[in-house]
Amino acid sequence: MRWVVALLGLAAGCRFELPPGMVVDDGPVGGEGSGSDMGGGDACPSGANPHDEDGDGVVDVCDLCPQIANAPALDSDLDGIPDACDPHIATTGDVLLAFEPFAVDGPAPAGWQARGGGSQNDWVVGGDALRITSPDDNTRLLIFDTTFAAHTIDVGFEIVSVVGGGFEFITAVGDVRSDVSQFMGCGIRVDNQTPAPDRELIRNNNGNFTSPAFDASEPPAASGGYRIVLTIDKNVETCSVPNGPNPHKLVGAETTQGNRFVGLRLNRATIAFRYVAIYRI
């Protein structure tokens, strides 16, 4: 099922672009063999929602990779998801369950539930993004029920600013219980605490945090655009935090807990979430 928020006109605000090296561009949009992520030369039906998150000329509802501009049409496993955004390039069965471009100004879209610090009203859509500030150590979370225990969450966002003086982080979370007492998190820390700022894969189980993997080889910047992709599949969690030309990929082989929710989590930062793509496996 493709789920896209309706839009009557393009929302105002700056167009988000992924960091250099993250935008895939393989030729003109449209037409078979053109390298388009629209694929197969199919025409988009008239009257389709006009929002185009990645700005490649193919509207979200007709774009097989709505978060990656001009994604090549190559689909190695023939499951309808191009390799550029397929969570499992060599294994068929992935489906784009939901795509949310945060295009309609107002509260957080239906289906998203606030947890942790603050309230539902702290999550506000404006300027083609979901905006939230976590001013203290009372972590803010927003979760969504995928209805599947095996899933992927792909998030594009900008770190607008960080507060300083504590742990500052942003994570995409999966395998989440509705009370957020269990989850896997894939994300970055951008503070000056010990250990150094890093990209990390973490697990929370009833308040006990463990870090199966982390990568401090290239400290994340405290502002700018990022993309986080967290895949939960069987007993393997894969965390990818591309930024600049160097992808950072972490794998943890801990048994998943079979929870259905995914979400967004931040601490001591102001974030503009540009899109969330959710895949089921």
Protein backbone atom coordinates (compact mmCIF):
# COMPACT_ATOMS: atom_id res chain seq x y z
CA MET A 1 0.00 0.00 0.00
CA ARG A 2 1.28 3.42 -0.94
CA TRP A 3 0.34 6.05 1.68
CA VAL A 4 0.98 9.67 0.79
CA VAL A 5 -0.51 12.74 2.44
CA ALA A 6 -2.73 14.76 0.09
CA LEU A 7 -1.48 18.09 -1.15
CA LEU A 8 -3.36 20.82 -2.99
CA GLY A 9 -0.29 22.91 -3.76
CA LEU A 10 3.42 22.61 -3.24
CA ALA A 11 4.34 23.58 0.30
CA ALA A 12 6.53 26.60 0.89
CA GLY A 13 10.04 26.26 2.26
CA CYS A 14 13.46 25.13 1.25
CA ARG A 15 13.96 21.94 -0.71
CA PHE A 16 15.90 19.36 1.23
CA GLU A 17 18.86 17.78 -0.52
CA LEU A 18 20.89 14.85 0.74
CA PRO A 19 24.61 15.41 1.34
CA PRO A 20 27.00 15.13 -1.64
CA GLY A 21 27.39 11.56 -2.79
CA MET A 22 23.92 10.49 -1.60
CA VAL A 23 21.77 11.63 -4.54
CA VAL A 24 21.62 8.98 -7.24
CA ASP A 25 21.34 10.45 -10.72
CA ASP A 26 21.33 8.12 -13.70
CA GLY A 27 19.79 10.03 -16.54
CA PRO A 28 16.57 11.77 -17.43
CA VAL A 29 13.24 11.01 -15.83
CA GLY A 30 10.60 8.97 -17.62
CA GLY A 31 10.58 6.31 -20.28
CA GLU A 32 11.83 2.74 -20.46
CA GLY A 33 15.60 2.42 -20.26
CA SER A 34 16.07 6.05 -19.32
CA GLY A 35 17.38 5.29 -15.87
CA SER A 36 14.16 6.59 -14.32
CA ASP A 37 12.86 5.35 -11.01
CA MET A 38 9.36 5.62 -12.49
CA GLY A 39 10.17 2.47 -14.46
CA GLY A 40 8.73 0.78 -17.52
CA GLY A 41 7.60 3.92 -19.31
CA ASP A 42 4.37 4.03 -17.28
CA ALA A 43 2.59 7.37 -17.36
CA CYS A 44 1.52 8.87 -14.07
CA PRO A 45 -2.29 9.19 -13.99
CA SER A 46 -3.72 12.65 -14.44
CA GLY A 47 -4.83 14.30 -11.22
CA ALA A 48 -2.17 12.54 -9.16
CA ASN A 49 -1.03 14.31 -6.02
CA PRO A 50 1.58 16.81 -7.30
CA HIS A 51 4.03 16.59 -4.39
CA ASP A 52 7.53 15.55 -5.49
CA GLU A 53 9.72 15.04 -2.42
CA ASP A 54 13.01 14.36 -4.22
CA GLY A 55 12.44 16.99 -6.92
CA ASP A 56 13.16 14.67 -9.84
CA GLY A 57 9.99 15.43 -11.81
CA VAL A 58 8.17 12.23 -10.79
CA VAL A 59 5.46 12.85 -8.18
CA ASP A 60 5.64 10.81 -4.99
CA VAL A 61 2.66 8.55 -5.73
CA CYS A 62 4.25 7.45 -9.04
CA ASP A 63 7.87 7.36 -7.89
CA LEU A 64 9.26 3.94 -7.00
CA CYS A 65 12.03 5.69 -5.02
CA PRO A 66 10.29 8.87 -3.85
CA GLN A 67 13.17 9.79 -1.54
CA ILE A 68 16.03 9.43 -4.05
CA ALA A 69 16.17 11.68 -7.11
CA ASN A 70 16.38 9.95 -10.51
CA ALA A 71 17.08 6.54 -8.98
CA PRO A 72 18.17 4.05 -11.66
CA ALA A 73 15.45 1.61 -12.64
CA LEU A 74 17.68 -1.43 -11.95
CA ASP A 75 15.70 -3.90 -9.81
CA SER A 76 17.88 -6.95 -9.25
CA ASP A 77 15.30 -9.01 -7.37
CA LEU A 78 12.31 -7.88 -9.47
CA ASP A 79 10.16 -6.96 -6.47
CA GLY A 80 9.21 -3.53 -7.80
CA ILE A 81 11.60 -1.59 -5.55
CA PRO A 82 14.69 -0.27 -7.41
CA ASP A 83 18.04 -1.27 -5.94
CA ALA A 84 18.76 2.35 -4.97
CA CYS A 85 16.17 2.20 -2.18
CA ASP A 86 15.53 -1.56 -1.81
CA PRO A 87 16.29 -2.79 1.73
CA HIS A 88 17.13 -6.24 0.31
CA ILE A 89 18.60 -5.87 -3.17
CA ALA A 90 19.02 -9.59 -3.76
CA THR A 91 15.84 -10.85 -2.06
CA THR A 92 12.34 -10.36 -3.40
CA GLY A 93 9.40 -9.33 -1.24
CA ASP A 94 10.03 -5.74 -0.13
CA VAL A 95 7.02 -3.42 -0.35
CA LEU A 96 6.87 0.34 0.21
CA LEU A 97 4.25 0.31 2.94
CA ALA A 98 4.12 4.05 3.64
CA PHE A 99 5.76 7.23 2.43
CA GLU A 100 5.26 10.44 4.39
CA PRO A 101 6.71 13.67 2.91
CA PHE A 102 5.26 15.94 5.65
CA ALA A 103 3.74 18.16 2.99
CA VAL A 104 0.59 19.46 4.71
CA ASP A 105 1.07 22.10 7.40
CA GLY A 106 -0.44 21.28 10.77
CA PRO A 107 -0.01 18.63 13.46
CA ALA A 108 1.87 15.37 13.08
CA PRO A 109 0.04 13.22 10.46
CA ALA A 110 -2.60 10.74 11.53
CA GLY A 111 -1.17 7.49 12.78
CA TRP A 112 1.93 9.02 14.39
CA GLN A 113 1.89 8.93 18.19
CA ALA A 114 4.07 10.96 20.55
CA ARG A 115 5.91 9.22 23.37
CA GLY A 116 8.53 10.29 25.89
CA GLY A 117 8.96 13.96 26.73
CA GLY A 118 6.74 16.80 25.64
CA SER A 119 3.40 16.17 23.93
CA GLN A 120 1.81 15.45 20.57
CA ASN A 121 1.58 19.22 20.01
CA ASP A 122 5.38 19.57 19.95
CA TRP A 123 5.50 17.78 16.58
CA VAL A 124 4.42 20.28 13.92
CA VAL A 125 4.45 20.07 10.12
CA GLY A 126 5.46 23.28 8.33
CA GLY A 127 7.63 24.28 5.41
CA ASP A 128 7.55 20.77 3.89
CA ALA A 129 8.98 19.16 7.05
CA LEU A 130 8.04 17.76 10.44
CA ARG A 131 9.71 20.05 12.97
CA ILE A 132 10.47 19.31 16.62
CA THR A 133 12.69 20.73 19.36
CA SER A 134 13.89 18.69 22.31
CA PRO A 135 15.32 21.37 24.62
CA ASP A 136 16.45 19.09 27.44
CA ASP A 137 17.29 15.50 28.37
CA ASN A 138 13.63 14.47 28.29
CA THR A 139 13.85 12.51 25.01
CA ARG A 140 11.14 13.10 22.40
CA LEU A 141 9.77 10.18 20.35
CA LEU A 142 7.17 9.75 17.63
CA ILE A 143 6.09 6.23 16.61
CA PHE A 144 4.05 4.61 13.83
CA ASP A 145 2.53 1.12 13.65
CA THR A 146 3.83 -0.74 10.58
CA THR A 147 1.78 -3.88 11.45
CA PHE A 148 4.87 -5.95 10.55
CA ALA A 149 7.72 -7.10 12.80
CA ALA A 150 10.17 -7.19 9.85
CA HIS A 151 10.51 -3.69 8.46
CA THR A 152 12.75 -0.86 7.33
CA ILE A 153 12.54 2.83 8.18
CA ASP A 154 14.33 5.32 5.90
CA VAL A 155 14.47 8.88 7.23
CA GLY A 156 15.76 12.10 5.66
CA PHE A 157 16.26 15.07 7.95
CA GLU A 158 18.21 18.20 8.78
CA ILE A 159 19.81 18.95 12.12
CA VAL A 160 18.87 22.61 12.50
CA SER A 161 20.70 23.12 15.79
CA VAL A 162 21.75 21.39 18.99
CA VAL A 163 21.28 22.67 22.52
CA GLY A 164 24.66 21.71 23.99
CA GLY A 165 25.56 20.67 27.51
CA GLY A 166 24.36 17.08 27.32
CA PHE A 167 23.78 14.11 25.05
CA GLU A 168 22.59 15.33 21.66
CA PHE A 169 21.38 12.64 19.28
CA ILE A 170 18.92 11.69 16.59
CA THR A 171 17.92 8.10 15.85
CA ALA A 172 15.50 6.22 13.66
CA VAL A 173 13.98 3.43 15.71
CA GLY A 174 12.47 0.07 14.77
CA ASP A 175 11.29 -3.09 16.52
CA VAL A 176 9.53 -0.71 18.94
CA ARG A 177 6.97 -1.59 21.59
CA SER A 178 4.04 0.80 21.85
CA ASP A 179 5.27 1.93 25.28
CA VAL A 180 8.81 2.36 23.86
CA SER A 181 10.29 0.13 26.57
CA GLN A 182 11.99 -1.89 23.80
CA PHE A 183 13.47 -0.72 20.50
CA MET A 184 16.44 -0.81 18.19
CA GLY A 185 17.95 2.56 17.26
CA CYS A 186 20.15 3.59 14.36
CA GLY A 187 21.55 7.09 14.50
CA ILE A 188 24.17 9.64 15.40
CA ARG A 189 25.44 11.47 18.44
CA VAL A 190 26.79 14.95 17.77
CA ASP A 191 27.75 16.10 21.28
CA ASN A 192 31.14 16.35 22.96
CA GLN A 193 30.46 13.76 25.63
CA THR A 194 32.54 10.60 26.11
CA PRO A 195 32.76 8.51 24.00
CA ALA A 196 33.28 10.74 20.99
CA PRO A 197 30.43 11.65 18.63
CA ASP A 198 29.62 8.63 16.52
CA ARG A 199 27.18 6.69 14.44
CA GLU A 200 25.76 3.82 16.40
CA LEU A 201 23.37 0.92 16.54
CA ILE A 202 21.76 0.64 19.98
CA ARG A 203 19.22 -1.53 21.74
CA ASN A 204 16.90 -0.49 24.54
CA ASN A 205 15.27 -3.20 26.64
CA ASN A 206 13.22 -1.87 29.56
CA GLY A 207 15.60 1.01 30.15
CA ASN A 208 18.82 -0.98 29.68
CA PHE A 209 20.81 0.31 26.71
CA THR A 210 23.42 -1.72 24.85
CA SER A 211 25.51 -0.75 21.81
CA PRO A 212 26.11 -3.70 19.47
CA ALA A 213 28.14 -1.50 17.11
CA PHE A 214 29.40 2.05 16.67
CA ASP A 215 31.62 3.95 14.25
CA ALA A 216 33.52 7.05 15.36
CA SER A 217 35.85 7.12 12.36
CA GLU A 218 34.20 10.26 10.95
CA PRO A 219 32.51 12.33 13.67
CA PRO A 220 29.04 13.47 12.57
CA ALA A 221 28.51 17.19 12.05
CA ALA A 222 26.18 18.95 14.47
CA SER A 223 24.14 20.47 11.64
CA GLY A 224 23.17 19.68 8.07
CA GLY A 225 21.40 16.92 6.15
CA TYR A 226 21.42 13.24 6.94
CA ARG A 227 19.75 10.02 5.87
CA ILE A 228 19.27 7.11 8.28
CA VAL A 229 18.14 3.63 7.20
CA LEU A 230 17.35 0.97 9.83
CA THR A 231 16.35 -2.53 8.72
CA ILE A 232 14.92 -5.10 11.14
CA ASP A 233 14.88 -8.61 9.63
CA LYS A 234 14.80 -11.89 11.56
CA ASN A 235 17.72 -11.76 14.02
CA VAL A 236 19.73 -9.09 12.19
CA GLU A 237 19.55 -5.31 12.52
CA THR A 238 21.32 -3.22 9.89
CA CYS A 239 22.03 0.46 10.46
CA SER A 240 23.16 2.77 7.65
CA VAL A 241 23.98 6.44 8.23
CA PRO A 242 25.23 7.94 4.97
CA ASN A 243 26.69 11.42 5.19
CA GLY A 244 29.02 13.00 2.68
CA PRO A 245 30.83 10.54 0.40
CA ASN A 246 31.37 7.88 3.09
CA PRO A 247 28.58 5.45 4.00
CA HIS A 248 28.60 4.09 7.54
CA LYS A 249 27.00 0.67 7.90
CA LEU A 250 26.68 -1.27 11.15
CA VAL A 251 25.24 -4.75 11.67
CA GLY A 252 24.00 -6.29 14.91
CA ALA A 253 23.01 -9.95 15.14
CA GLU A 254 20.84 -9.86 18.24
CA THR A 255 17.47 -11.58 18.23
CA THR A 256 14.71 -9.10 17.51
CA GLN A 257 11.75 -8.85 19.84
CA GLY A 258 9.00 -8.90 17.21
CA ASN A 259 7.61 -5.40 17.80
CA ARG A 260 5.73 -3.60 15.02
CA PHE A 261 6.35 0.11 15.56
CA VAL A 262 8.99 2.36 13.98
CA GLY A 263 9.72 5.94 14.89
CA LEU A 264 11.83 9.04 15.37
CA ARG A 265 13.83 9.86 18.50
CA LEU A 266 15.85 12.94 19.45
CA ASN A 267 17.46 14.62 22.42
CA ARG A 268 18.64 18.23 22.92
CA ALA A 269 18.27 19.22 19.27
CA THR A 270 15.99 20.94 16.76
CA ILE A 271 15.26 18.69 13.78
CA ALA A 272 13.40 19.11 10.48
CA PHE A 273 12.32 15.66 9.24
CA ARG A 274 11.84 15.84 5.47
CA TYR A 275 10.44 12.37 4.78
CA VAL A 276 9.92 8.92 6.25
CA ALA A 277 9.71 5.85 4.01
CA ILE A 278 8.58 2.59 5.63
CA TYR A 279 9.06 -0.78 3.97
CA ARG A 280 7.72 -4.16 5.03
CA ILE A 281 9.61 -7.34 4.31
